[in-house]
PDB file of N, CA and C in Angstrom:
ATOM      1  N   MET A   1    -133.961 -46.893  30.876  1.00  0.00           N
ATOM      2  CA  MET A   1    -134.238 -45.879  30.195  1.00  0.00           C
ATOM      3  C   MET A   1    -133.394 -46.436  29.342  1.00  0.00           C
ATOM      4  N   SER A   2    -134.725 -46.380  27.774  1.00  0.00           N
ATOM      5  CA  SER A   2    -134.124 -46.602  26.252  1.00  0.00           C
ATOM      6  C   SER A   2    -133.680 -45.305  25.999  1.00  0.00           C
ATOM      7  N   GLY A   3    -133.329 -44.485  26.147  1.00  0.00           N
ATOM      8  CA  GLY A   3    -132.507 -43.665  25.666  1.00  0.00           C
ATOM      9  C   GLY A   3    -132.204 -42.232  26.385  1.00  0.00           C
ATOM     10  N   PRO A   4    -132.053 -41.145  25.966  1.00  0.00           N
ATOM     11  CA  PRO A   4    -131.147 -40.323  27.261  1.00  0.00           C
ATOM     12  C   PRO A   4    -132.288 -39.501  27.791  1.00  0.00           C
ATOM     13  N   PRO A   5    -132.780 -38.925  28.986  1.00  0.00           N
ATOM     14  CA  PRO A   5    -134.291 -37.961  29.231  1.00  0.00           C
ATOM     15  C   PRO A   5    -133.976 -36.556  27.917  1.00  0.00           C
ATOM     16  N   SER A   6    -135.372 -36.742  27.556  1.00  0.00           N
ATOM     17  CA  SER A   6    -135.956 -35.046  26.929  1.00  0.00           C
ATOM     18  C   SER A   6    -134.398 -34.220  27.281  1.00  0.00           C
ATOM     19  N   GLN A   7    -134.464 -33.312  26.379  1.00  0.00           N
ATOM     20  CA  GLN A   7    -133.622 -32.470  26.003  1.00  0.00           C
ATOM     21  C   GLN A   7    -134.441 -30.613  27.338  1.00  0.00           C
ATOM     22  N   LEU A   8    -135.660 -31.042  26.939  1.00  0.00           N
ATOM     23  CA  LEU A   8    -136.526 -30.029  27.825  1.00  0.00           C
ATOM     24  C   LEU A   8    -135.972 -29.749  30.068  1.00  0.00           C
ATOM     25  N   ILE A   9    -135.847 -31.464  29.905  1.00  0.00           N
ATOM     26  CA  ILE A   9    -135.871 -31.306  31.772  1.00  0.00           C
ATOM     27  C   ILE A   9    -134.087 -31.862  31.811  1.00  0.00           C
ATOM     28  N   GLU A  10    -133.231 -31.936  30.762  1.00  0.00           N
ATOM     29  CA  GLU A  10    -131.766 -32.049  31.226  1.00  0.00           C
ATOM     30  C   GLU A  10    -131.377 -30.740  31.894  1.00  0.00           C
ATOM     31  N   ILE A  11    -131.757 -29.614  31.061  1.00  0.00           N
ATOM     32  CA  ILE A  11    -131.199 -28.340  32.695  1.00  0.00           C
ATOM     33  C   ILE A  11    -131.209 -28.317  33.165  1.00  0.00           C
ATOM     34  N   TYR A  12    -132.550 -28.906  33.798  1.00  0.00           N
ATOM     35  CA  TYR A  12    -132.954 -29.083  35.285  1.00  0.00           C
ATOM     36  C   TYR A  12    -132.031 -30.172  36.311  1.00  0.00           C
ATOM     37  N   LEU A  13    -132.200 -30.978  35.350  1.00  0.00           N
ATOM     38  CA  LEU A  13    -131.255 -32.273  35.782  1.00  0.00           C
ATOM     39  C   LEU A  13    -129.891 -31.785  36.294  1.00  0.00           C
ATOM     40  N   ARG A  14    -129.502 -31.269  35.483  1.00  0.00           N
ATOM     41  CA  ARG A  14    -128.255 -30.874  35.374  1.00  0.00           C
ATOM     42  C   ARG A  14    -128.152 -29.727  36.494  1.00  0.00           C
ATOM     43  N   GLU A  15    -128.682 -28.692  36.740  1.00  0.00           N
ATOM     44  CA  GLU A  15    -129.267 -27.477  37.861  1.00  0.00           C
ATOM     45  C   GLU A  15    -128.966 -27.856  39.149  1.00  0.00           C
ATOM     46  N   VAL A  16    -129.701 -29.153  39.002  1.00  0.00           N
ATOM     47  CA  VAL A  16    -129.726 -29.931  41.554  1.00  0.00           C
ATOM     48  C   VAL A  16    -128.786 -30.627  40.906  1.00  0.00           C
ATOM     49  N   SER A  17    -127.578 -31.235  40.127  1.00  0.00           N
ATOM     50  CA  SER A  17    -126.730 -32.352  40.044  1.00  0.00           C
ATOM     51  C   SER A  17    -127.292 -33.539  40.022  1.00  0.00           C
ATOM     52  N   PHE A  18    -128.735 -33.688  39.155  1.00  0.00           N
ATOM     53  CA  PHE A  18    -129.243 -34.933  39.376  1.00  0.00           C
ATOM     54  C   PHE A  18    -128.825 -35.550  37.567  1.00  0.00           C
ATOM     55  N   TRP A  19    -128.379 -34.802  37.283  1.00  0.00           N
ATOM     56  CA  TRP A  19    -127.940 -35.437  35.541  1.00  0.00           C
ATOM     57  C   TRP A  19    -127.506 -37.026  35.475  1.00  0.00           C
ATOM     58  N   HIS A  20    -126.370 -37.162  36.239  1.00  0.00           N
ATOM     59  CA  HIS A  20    -126.343 -38.401  36.377  1.00  0.00           C
ATOM     60  C   HIS A  20    -126.313 -39.559  37.003  1.00  0.00           C
ATOM     61  N   VAL A  21    -128.014 -39.515  37.506  1.00  0.00           N
ATOM     62  CA  VAL A  21    -128.581 -40.256  38.080  1.00  0.00           C
ATOM     63  C   VAL A  21    -129.544 -41.002  36.826  1.00  0.00           C
ATOM     64  N   ALA A  22    -130.411 -39.451  36.044  1.00  0.00           N
ATOM     65  CA  ALA A  22    -130.849 -40.372  35.336  1.00  0.00           C
ATOM     66  C   ALA A  22    -130.566 -40.999  34.066  1.00  0.00           C
ATOM     67  N   ASN A  23    -128.820 -41.173  34.216  1.00  0.00           N
ATOM     68  CA  ASN A  23    -128.283 -42.418  33.029  1.00  0.00           C
ATOM     69  C   ASN A  23    -127.496 -43.447  33.628  1.00  0.00           C
ATOM     70  N   ILE A  24    -127.704 -43.674  34.854  1.00  0.00           N
ATOM     71  CA  ILE A  24    -127.112 -44.545  35.536  1.00  0.00           C
ATOM     72  C   ILE A  24    -127.844 -46.079  35.015  1.00  0.00           C
ATOM     73  N   SER A  25    -128.930 -45.933  34.335  1.00  0.00           N
ATOM     74  CA  SER A  25    -129.218 -47.230  34.140  1.00  0.00           C
ATOM     75  C   SER A  25    -128.828 -47.537  32.615  1.00  0.00           C
ATOM     76  N   TRP A  26    -128.312 -47.374  31.924  1.00  0.00           N
ATOM     77  CA  TRP A  26    -127.644 -46.787  30.469  1.00  0.00           C
ATOM     78  C   TRP A  26    -126.335 -47.590  30.026  1.00  0.00           C
ATOM     79  N   GLY A  27    -126.905 -48.753  29.757  1.00  0.00           N
ATOM     80  CA  GLY A  27    -125.427 -49.882  29.517  1.00  0.00           C
ATOM     81  C   GLY A  27    -125.190 -51.452  30.587  1.00  0.00           C
ATOM     82  N   CYS A  28    -126.532 -50.931  32.106  1.00  0.00           N
ATOM     83  CA  CYS A  28    -127.245 -52.343  32.572  1.00  0.00           C
ATOM     84  C   CYS A  28    -127.625 -53.393  32.004  1.00  0.00           C
ATOM     85  N   LYS A  29    -127.345 -54.413  32.355  1.00  0.00           N
ATOM     86  CA  LYS A  29    -128.207 -55.445  31.992  1.00  0.00           C
ATOM     87  C   LYS A  29    -128.928 -55.864  33.088  1.00  0.00           C
ATOM     88  N   LEU A  30    -130.430 -55.710  33.444  1.00  0.00           N
ATOM     89  CA  LEU A  30    -130.962 -56.064  34.612  1.00  0.00           C
ATOM     90  C   LEU A  30    -130.994 -57.983  34.429  1.00  0.00           C
ATOM     91  N   ASP A  31    -130.474 -58.043  36.152  1.00  0.00           N
ATOM     92  CA  ASP A  31    -131.040 -59.741  36.201  1.00  0.00           C
ATOM     93  C   ASP A  31    -131.888 -60.189  36.403  1.00  0.00           C
ATOM     94  N   PRO A  32    -133.139 -60.972  35.931  1.00  0.00           N
ATOM     95  CA  PRO A  32    -134.284 -61.359  36.340  1.00  0.00           C
ATOM     96  C   PRO A  32    -134.445 -61.955  37.213  1.00  0.00           C
ATOM     97  N   LYS A  33    -133.535 -63.123  37.981  1.00  0.00           N
ATOM     98  CA  LYS A  33    -134.022 -64.078  38.713  1.00  0.00           C
ATOM     99  C   LYS A  33    -133.215 -62.880  40.032  1.00  0.00           C
ATOM    100  N   LEU A  34    -132.004 -62.542  40.074  1.00  0.00           N
ATOM    101  CA  LEU A  34    -131.692 -61.323  41.058  1.00  0.00           C
ATOM    102  C   LEU A  34    -132.612 -61.081  41.760  1.00  0.00           C
ATOM    103  N   ILE A  35    -133.551 -59.418  40.358  1.00  0.00           N
ATOM    104  CA  ILE A  35    -134.441 -58.994  41.184  1.00  0.00           C
ATOM    105  C   ILE A  35    -135.719 -59.988  41.171  1.00  0.00           C
ATOM    106  N   SER A  36    -136.230 -61.389  41.065  1.00  0.00           N
ATOM    107  CA  SER A  36    -136.878 -61.705  41.556  1.00  0.00           C
ATOM    108  C   SER A  36    -137.099 -62.650  43.061  1.00  0.00           C
ATOM    109  N   GLU A  37    -135.731 -62.401  43.258  1.00  0.00           N
ATOM    110  CA  GLU A  37    -135.041 -62.937  44.417  1.00  0.00           C
ATOM    111  C   GLU A  37    -135.025 -61.533  46.135  1.00  0.00           C
ATOM    112  N   LEU A  38    -134.794 -60.967  45.249  1.00  0.00           N
ATOM    113  CA  LEU A  38    -134.603 -59.602  46.320  1.00  0.00           C
ATOM    114  C   LEU A  38    -135.818 -59.186  46.554  1.00  0.00           C
ATOM    115  N   ILE A  39    -137.336 -59.160  45.381  1.00  0.00           N
ATOM    116  CA  ILE A  39    -138.160 -58.611  45.801  1.00  0.00           C
ATOM    117  C   ILE A  39    -139.280 -60.286  46.865  1.00  0.00           C
ATOM    118  N   GLU A  40    -138.674 -61.941  46.990  1.00  0.00           N
ATOM    119  CA  GLU A  40    -138.970 -62.112  47.557  1.00  0.00           C
ATOM    120  C   GLU A  40    -138.846 -61.933  48.797  1.00  0.00           C
ATOM    121  N   SER A  41    -137.340 -61.567  49.200  1.00  0.00           N
ATOM    122  CA  SER A  41    -136.966 -61.804  50.265  1.00  0.00           C
ATOM    123  C   SER A  41    -137.052 -60.200  51.111  1.00  0.00           C
ATOM    124  N   TRP A  42    -138.094 -59.430  50.555  1.00  0.00           N
ATOM    125  CA  TRP A  42    -138.405 -57.660  51.228  1.00  0.00           C
ATOM    126  C   TRP A  42    -139.276 -58.723  52.098  1.00  0.00           C
ATOM    127  N   ARG A  43    -139.602 -57.506  53.216  1.00  0.00           N
ATOM    128  CA  ARG A  43    -140.432 -58.402  53.858  1.00  0.00           C
ATOM    129  C   ARG A  43    -141.101 -56.525  54.606  1.00  0.00           C
ATOM    130  N   PRO A  44    -141.883 -55.692  53.810  1.00  0.00           N
ATOM    131  CA  PRO A  44    -143.173 -54.373  53.997  1.00  0.00           C
ATOM    132  C   PRO A  44    -143.370 -54.081  55.216  1.00  0.00           C
ATOM    133  N   GLU A  45    -143.168 -54.622  55.755  1.00  0.00           N
ATOM    134  CA  GLU A  45    -143.964 -54.707  57.441  1.00  0.00           C
ATOM    135  C   GLU A  45    -142.628 -54.423  57.607  1.00  0.00           C
ATOM    136  N   THR A  46    -140.972 -54.350  57.689  1.00  0.00           N
ATOM    137  CA  THR A  46    -140.192 -53.987  58.231  1.00  0.00           C
ATOM    138  C   THR A  46    -139.329 -53.380  57.699  1.00  0.00           C
ATOM    139  N   HIS A  47    -139.223 -53.477  56.237  1.00  0.00           N
ATOM    140  CA  HIS A  47    -138.478 -52.593  55.650  1.00  0.00           C
ATOM    141  C   HIS A  47    -137.091 -53.307  55.271  1.00  0.00           C
ATOM    142  N   ILE A  48    -137.249 -54.106  55.361  1.00  0.00           N
ATOM    143  CA  ILE A  48    -135.428 -55.215  55.064  1.00  0.00           C
ATOM    144  C   ILE A  48    -136.059 -56.304  54.463  1.00  0.00           C
ATOM    145  N   PHE A  49    -134.781 -56.539  53.599  1.00  0.00           N
ATOM    146  CA  PHE A  49    -134.631 -57.552  53.021  1.00  0.00           C
ATOM    147  C   PHE A  49    -134.096 -58.883  54.265  1.00  0.00           C
ATOM    148  N   HIS A  50    -134.659 -59.807  54.021  1.00  0.00           N
ATOM    149  CA  HIS A  50    -134.159 -61.043  54.870  1.00  0.00           C
ATOM    150  C   HIS A  50    -134.205 -62.206  53.838  1.00  0.00           C
ATOM    151  N   LEU A  51    -131.825 -62.223  53.968  1.00  0.00           N
ATOM    152  CA  LEU A  51    -130.974 -62.742  52.979  1.00  0.00           C
ATOM    153  C   LEU A  51    -130.901 -64.424  53.507  1.00  0.00           C
ATOM    154  N   SER A  52    -129.933 -65.399  53.013  1.00  0.00           N
ATOM    155  CA  SER A  52    -129.949 -66.173  53.349  1.00  0.00           C
ATOM    156  C   SER A  52    -128.340 -66.193  54.422  1.00  0.00           C
ATOM    157  N   CYS A  53    -127.510 -64.378  54.054  1.00  0.00           N
ATOM    158  CA  CYS A  53    -126.521 -64.551  54.840  1.00  0.00           C
ATOM    159  C   CYS A  53    -126.854 -63.320  56.288  1.00  0.00           C
ATOM    160  N   GLY A  54    -128.275 -62.899  56.376  1.00  0.00           N
ATOM    161  CA  GLY A  54    -129.040 -61.915  57.738  1.00  0.00           C
ATOM    162  C   GLY A  54    -129.435 -61.621  56.619  1.00  0.00           C
ATOM    163  N   GLU A  55    -130.161 -60.222  57.090  1.00  0.00           N
ATOM    164  CA  GLU A  55    -130.651 -59.457  57.003  1.00  0.00           C
ATOM    165  C   GLU A  55    -130.237 -57.907  56.796  1.00  0.00           C
ATOM    166  N   CYS A  56    -130.584 -57.489  56.122  1.00  0.00           N
ATOM    167  CA  CYS A  56    -130.310 -56.001  55.199  1.00  0.00           C
ATOM    168  C   CYS A  56    -131.536 -55.300  54.876  1.00  0.00           C
ATOM    169  N   THR A  57    -131.073 -53.109  54.906  1.00  0.00           N
ATOM    170  CA  THR A  57    -132.006 -52.693  54.448  1.00  0.00           C
ATOM    171  C   THR A  57    -131.400 -51.599  53.987  1.00  0.00           C
ATOM    172  N   ILE A  58    -131.729 -50.607  53.258  1.00  0.00           N
ATOM    173  CA  ILE A  58    -131.585 -49.308  52.895  1.00  0.00           C
ATOM    174  C   ILE A  58    -131.917 -48.037  52.936  1.00  0.00           C
ATOM    175  N   THR A  59    -130.860 -47.874  53.314  1.00  0.00           N
ATOM    176  CA  THR A  59    -130.797 -45.975  54.432  1.00  0.00           C
ATOM    177  C   THR A  59    -130.269 -45.483  53.140  1.00  0.00           C
ATOM    178  N   LEU A  60    -131.189 -43.754  53.577  1.00  0.00           N
ATOM    179  CA  LEU A  60    -130.751 -42.884  52.565  1.00  0.00           C
ATOM    180  C   LEU A  60    -129.200 -42.757  52.770  1.00  0.00           C
ATOM    181  N   GLU A  61    -128.561 -43.256  53.747  1.00  0.00           N
ATOM    182  CA  GLU A  61    -127.012 -42.672  53.521  1.00  0.00           C
ATOM    183  C   GLU A  61    -126.547 -43.356  51.936  1.00  0.00           C
ATOM    184  N   ASP A  62    -126.885 -45.345  51.884  1.00  0.00           N
ATOM    185  CA  ASP A  62    -126.786 -45.584  51.318  1.00  0.00           C
ATOM    186  C   ASP A  62    -127.223 -44.977  49.377  1.00  0.00           C
ATOM    187  N   VAL A  63    -128.471 -44.715  49.578  1.00  0.00           N
ATOM    188  CA  VAL A  63    -128.782 -44.063  48.104  1.00  0.00           C
ATOM    189  C   VAL A  63    -127.587 -43.023  48.153  1.00  0.00           C
ATOM    190  N   GLN A  64    -127.441 -41.838  49.158  1.00  0.00           N
ATOM    191  CA  GLN A  64    -126.746 -41.447  48.908  1.00  0.00           C
ATOM    192  C   GLN A  64    -125.678 -41.553  47.893  1.00  0.00           C
ATOM    193  N   LEU A  65    -124.963 -42.184  49.064  1.00  0.00           N
ATOM    194  CA  LEU A  65    -123.467 -42.999  48.434  1.00  0.00           C
ATOM    195  C   LEU A  65    -123.299 -43.569  46.912  1.00  0.00           C
ATOM    196  N   GLN A  66    -124.477 -44.542  46.514  1.00  0.00           N
ATOM    197  CA  GLN A  66    -124.527 -45.453  45.769  1.00  0.00           C
ATOM    198  C   GLN A  66    -124.908 -44.613  43.974  1.00  0.00           C
ATOM    199  N   LEU A  67    -125.403 -42.886  44.648  1.00  0.00           N
ATOM    200  CA  LEU A  67    -126.055 -43.080  43.511  1.00  0.00           C
ATOM    201  C   LEU A  67    -125.319 -41.681  43.347  1.00  0.00           C
ATOM    202  N   GLY A  68    -124.055 -41.105  44.233  1.00  0.00           N
ATOM    203  CA  GLY A  68    -123.666 -39.903  44.505  1.00  0.00           C
ATOM    204  C   GLY A  68    -124.316 -38.698  44.660  1.00  0.00           C
ATOM    205  N   LEU A  69    -124.901 -38.395  45.350  1.00  0.00           N
ATOM    206  CA  LEU A  69    -126.144 -36.965  45.070  1.00  0.00           C
ATOM    207  C   LEU A  69    -125.723 -36.793  46.424  1.00  0.00           C
ATOM    208  N   PRO A  70    -125.263 -35.149  45.997  1.00  0.00           N
ATOM    209  CA  PRO A  70    -125.230 -34.262  46.815  1.00  0.00           C
ATOM    210  C   PRO A  70    -126.682 -34.028  48.081  1.00  0.00           C
ATOM    211  N   VAL A  71    -125.932 -33.997  49.593  1.00  0.00           N
ATOM    212  CA  VAL A  71    -127.130 -33.804  50.700  1.00  0.00           C
ATOM    213  C   VAL A  71    -126.282 -32.340  50.832  1.00  0.00           C
ATOM    214  N   ASP A  72    -126.097 -31.705  50.729  1.00  0.00           N
ATOM    215  CA  ASP A  72    -125.728 -30.527  51.405  1.00  0.00           C
ATOM    216  C   ASP A  72    -126.619 -29.191  50.770  1.00  0.00           C
ATOM    217  N   GLY A  73    -126.874 -28.327  51.148  1.00  0.00           N
ATOM    218  CA  GLY A  73    -127.515 -27.500  49.682  1.00  0.00           C
ATOM    219  C   GLY A  73    -128.926 -27.134  50.599  1.00  0.00           C
ATOM    220  N   SER A  74    -129.860 -26.386  49.888  1.00  0.00           N
ATOM    221  CA  SER A  74    -130.891 -26.126  49.989  1.00  0.00           C
ATOM    222  C   SER A  74    -131.965 -27.521  49.723  1.00  0.00           C
ATOM    223  N   ILE A  75    -132.889 -27.533  50.106  1.00  0.00           N
ATOM    224  CA  ILE A  75    -134.256 -28.783  49.678  1.00  0.00           C
ATOM    225  C   ILE A  75    -134.992 -28.252  49.311  1.00  0.00           C
ATOM    226  N   LEU A  76    -135.054 -29.085  48.195  1.00  0.00           N
ATOM    227  CA  LEU A  76    -136.194 -28.880  46.274  1.00  0.00           C
ATOM    228  C   LEU A  76    -137.582 -28.801  46.575  1.00  0.00           C
ATOM    229  N   ILE A  77    -137.895 -27.848  47.773  1.00  0.00           N
ATOM    230  CA  ILE A  77    -139.562 -28.347  48.578  1.00  0.00           C
ATOM    231  C   ILE A  77    -139.342 -26.089  48.440  1.00  0.00           C
ATOM    232  N   GLU A  78    -140.961 -26.004  47.541  1.00  0.00           N
ATOM    233  CA  GLU A  78    -141.732 -24.827  47.623  1.00  0.00           C
ATOM    234  C   GLU A  78    -143.438 -25.043  48.211  1.00  0.00           C
ATOM    235  N   PRO A  79    -143.971 -24.066  48.412  1.00  0.00           N
ATOM    236  CA  PRO A  79    -145.216 -24.247  49.048  1.00  0.00           C
ATOM    237  C   PRO A  79    -145.742 -23.851  47.323  1.00  0.00           C
ATOM    238  N   VAL A  80    -147.038 -25.025  46.875  1.00  0.00           N
ATOM    239  CA  VAL A  80    -148.528 -24.593  45.738  1.00  0.00           C
ATOM    240  C   VAL A  80    -148.834 -24.321  46.756  1.00  0.00           C
ATOM    241  N   GLN A  81    -149.165 -22.700  45.457  1.00  0.00           N
ATOM    242  CA  GLN A  81    -150.423 -22.322  45.797  1.00  0.00           C
ATOM    243  C   GLN A  81    -151.105 -21.605  44.798  1.00  0.00           C
ATOM    244  N   SER A  82    -150.802 -22.815  43.694  1.00  0.00           N
ATOM    245  CA  SER A  82    -151.970 -22.968  42.529  1.00  0.00           C
ATOM    246  C   SER A  82    -152.743 -23.874  42.544  1.00  0.00           C
ATOM    247  N   ALA A  83    -154.333 -24.323  42.452  1.00  0.00           N
ATOM    248  CA  ALA A  83    -155.066 -25.544  42.766  1.00  0.00           C
ATOM    249  C   ALA A  83    -155.115 -26.032  40.945  1.00  0.00           C
ATOM    250  N   ASP A  84    -154.110 -25.765  39.810  1.00  0.00           N
ATOM    251  CA  ASP A  84    -153.907 -26.029  38.631  1.00  0.00           C
ATOM    252  C   ASP A  84    -153.303 -26.768  38.428  1.00  0.00           C
ATOM    253  N   TRP A  85    -152.687 -28.271  38.714  1.00  0.00           N
ATOM    254  CA  TRP A  85    -151.517 -29.253  38.617  1.00  0.00           C
ATOM    255  C   TRP A  85    -151.437 -29.165  37.630  1.00  0.00           C
ATOM    256  N   GLY A  86    -152.168 -29.166  36.004  1.00  0.00           N
ATOM    257  CA  GLY A  86    -151.565 -29.088  35.158  1.00  0.00           C
ATOM    258  C   GLY A  86    -150.526 -28.261  34.636  1.00  0.00           C
ATOM    259  N   ALA A  87    -150.737 -27.270  35.601  1.00  0.00           N
ATOM    260  CA  ALA A  87    -149.804 -26.180  34.818  1.00  0.00           C
ATOM    261  C   ALA A  87    -148.816 -26.500  35.860  1.00  0.00           C
ATOM    262  N   ILE A  88    -148.976 -26.371  36.877  1.00  0.00           N
ATOM    263  CA  ILE A  88    -147.663 -26.621  37.839  1.00  0.00           C
ATOM    264  C   ILE A  88    -147.212 -28.230  37.082  1.00  0.00           C
ATOM    265  N   ARG A  89    -147.751 -29.685  36.677  1.00  0.00           N
ATOM    266  CA  ARG A  89    -146.650 -29.728  35.736  1.00  0.00           C
ATOM    267  C   ARG A  89    -146.007 -29.417  34.777  1.00  0.00           C
ATOM    268  N   TYR A  90    -147.117 -29.019  33.654  1.00  0.00           N
ATOM    269  CA  TYR A  90    -146.248 -27.756  32.738  1.00  0.00           C
ATOM    270  C   TYR A  90    -144.849 -27.102  33.075  1.00  0.00           C
ATOM    271  N   ASP A  91    -144.837 -26.387  34.011  1.00  0.00           N
ATOM    272  CA  ASP A  91    -143.920 -25.166  34.300  1.00  0.00           C
ATOM    273  C   ASP A  91    -142.675 -26.466  35.035  1.00  0.00           C
ATOM    274  N   PHE A  92    -142.936 -27.319  36.076  1.00  0.00           N
ATOM    275  CA  PHE A  92    -141.506 -28.045  35.621  1.00  0.00           C
ATOM    276  C   PHE A  92    -140.643 -29.045  35.030  1.00  0.00           C
ATOM    277  N   PHE A  93    -141.723 -29.767  34.278  1.00  0.00           N
ATOM    278  CA  PHE A  93    -141.408 -30.827  33.467  1.00  0.00           C
ATOM    279  C   PHE A  93    -141.293 -30.304  32.033  1.00  0.00           C
ATOM    280  N   GLY A  94    -142.119 -29.019  31.765  1.00  0.00           N
ATOM    281  CA  GLY A  94    -141.953 -28.587  30.586  1.00  0.00           C
ATOM    282  C   GLY A  94    -142.838 -29.235  29.254  1.00  0.00           C
ATOM    283  N   ALA A  95    -143.958 -29.996  29.816  1.00  0.00           N
ATOM    284  CA  ALA A  95    -144.300 -30.545  29.380  1.00  0.00           C
ATOM    285  C   ALA A  95    -145.876 -31.491  30.459  1.00  0.00           C
ATOM    286  N   ILE A  96    -146.661 -32.074  30.019  1.00  0.00           N
ATOM    287  CA  ILE A  96    -147.672 -32.832  30.771  1.00  0.00           C
ATOM    288  C   ILE A  96    -147.533 -33.820  30.501  1.00  0.00           C
ATOM    289  N   PRO A  97    -146.966 -34.844  31.562  1.00  0.00           N
ATOM    290  CA  PRO A  97    -147.102 -36.173  31.032  1.00  0.00           C
ATOM    291  C   PRO A  97    -148.054 -36.943  31.350  1.00  0.00           C
ATOM    292  N   ASP A  98    -148.595 -38.187  31.643  1.00  0.00           N
ATOM    293  CA  ASP A  98    -150.023 -38.426  31.090  1.00  0.00           C
ATOM    294  C   ASP A  98    -149.734 -39.462  31.940  1.00  0.00           C
ATOM    295  N   ASN A  99    -148.749 -40.323  32.288  1.00  0.00           N
ATOM    296  CA  ASN A  99    -148.910 -41.185  33.004  1.00  0.00           C
ATOM    297  C   ASN A  99    -148.143 -41.221  34.363  1.00  0.00           C
ATOM    298  N   ILE A 100    -149.423 -39.627  35.639  1.00  0.00           N
ATOM    299  CA  ILE A 100    -148.684 -40.394  36.615  1.00  0.00           C
ATOM    300  C   ILE A 100    -150.055 -40.732  37.967  1.00  0.00           C
ATOM    301  N   TYR A 101    -149.340 -42.060  38.403  1.00  0.00           N
ATOM    302  CA  TYR A 101    -150.072 -42.676  38.748  1.00  0.00           C
ATOM    303  C   TYR A 101    -149.765 -42.617  40.638  1.00  0.00           C
ATOM    304  N   GLY A 102    -150.851 -41.994  41.290  1.00  0.00           N
ATOM    305  CA  GLY A 102    -150.813 -41.549  42.875  1.00  0.00           C
ATOM    306  C   GLY A 102    -149.807 -40.718  42.638  1.00  0.00           C
ATOM    307  N   GLY A 103    -148.994 -39.192  42.151  1.00  0.00           N
ATOM    308  CA  GLY A 103    -147.884 -38.472  42.652  1.00  0.00           C
ATOM    309  C   GLY A 103    -146.365 -38.660  42.529  1.00  0.00           C
ATOM    310  N   ARG A 104    -146.603 -40.463  41.555  1.00  0.00           N
ATOM    311  CA  ARG A 104    -145.493 -40.830  41.233  1.00  0.00           C
ATOM    312  C   ARG A 104    -145.737 -40.894  39.255  1.00  0.00           C
ATOM    313  N   ILE A 105    -144.314 -40.225  39.068  1.00  0.00           N
ATOM    314  CA  ILE A 105    -144.034 -40.143  36.947  1.00  0.00           C
ATOM    315  C   ILE A 105    -143.081 -41.198  36.652  1.00  0.00           C
ATOM    316  N   GLU A 106    -143.688 -42.427  36.067  1.00  0.00           N
ATOM    317  CA  GLU A 106    -141.697 -43.671  35.546  1.00  0.00           C
ATOM    318  C   GLU A 106    -140.828 -42.718  35.206  1.00  0.00           C
ATOM    319  N   MET A 107    -139.701 -43.417  35.650  1.00  0.00           N
ATOM    320  CA  MET A 107    -138.726 -42.837  35.491  1.00  0.00           C
ATOM    321  C   MET A 107    -137.841 -42.838  33.654  1.00  0.00           C
ATOM    322  N   GLY A 108    -139.041 -43.799  33.137  1.00  0.00           N
ATOM    323  CA  GLY A 108    -138.573 -43.724  32.436  1.00  0.00           C
ATOM    324  C   GLY A 108    -138.566 -42.956  31.587  1.00  0.00           C
ATOM    325  N   TRP A 109    -139.809 -42.366  31.511  1.00  0.00           N
ATOM    326  CA  TRP A 109    -140.149 -40.541  30.962  1.00  0.00           C
ATOM    327  C   TRP A 109    -140.110 -39.886  31.419  1.00  0.00           C
ATOM    328  N   LEU A 110    -138.527 -39.642  32.292  1.00  0.00           N
ATOM    329  CA  LEU A 110    -138.240 -38.485  32.721  1.00  0.00           C
ATOM    330  C   LEU A 110    -136.790 -38.689  31.672  1.00  0.00           C
TER     331      LEU A 110
END
């Protein structure tokens, strides 16, 4: 991420204790060789990394511990009563993102 998330969503991120996750990549330098190695060692059929030291998988608990996400409390889902997805996106994000791909939004947009 090149800069801080939009102020339009900062309030929501703070409200759900997710603000620190949006700032994780600040100051990090990615190692392209390491990323390439991880991509090549990933086996999507088993969801496991095959490394020279053995097999490794990432669990939800690992993600929770690494990102410091709270796992106690209410879940963040609700039934959708509207078929106007543009309005739903605007209500949730404060804007209508134009880079939604199959229900996913690029983290950089957030």
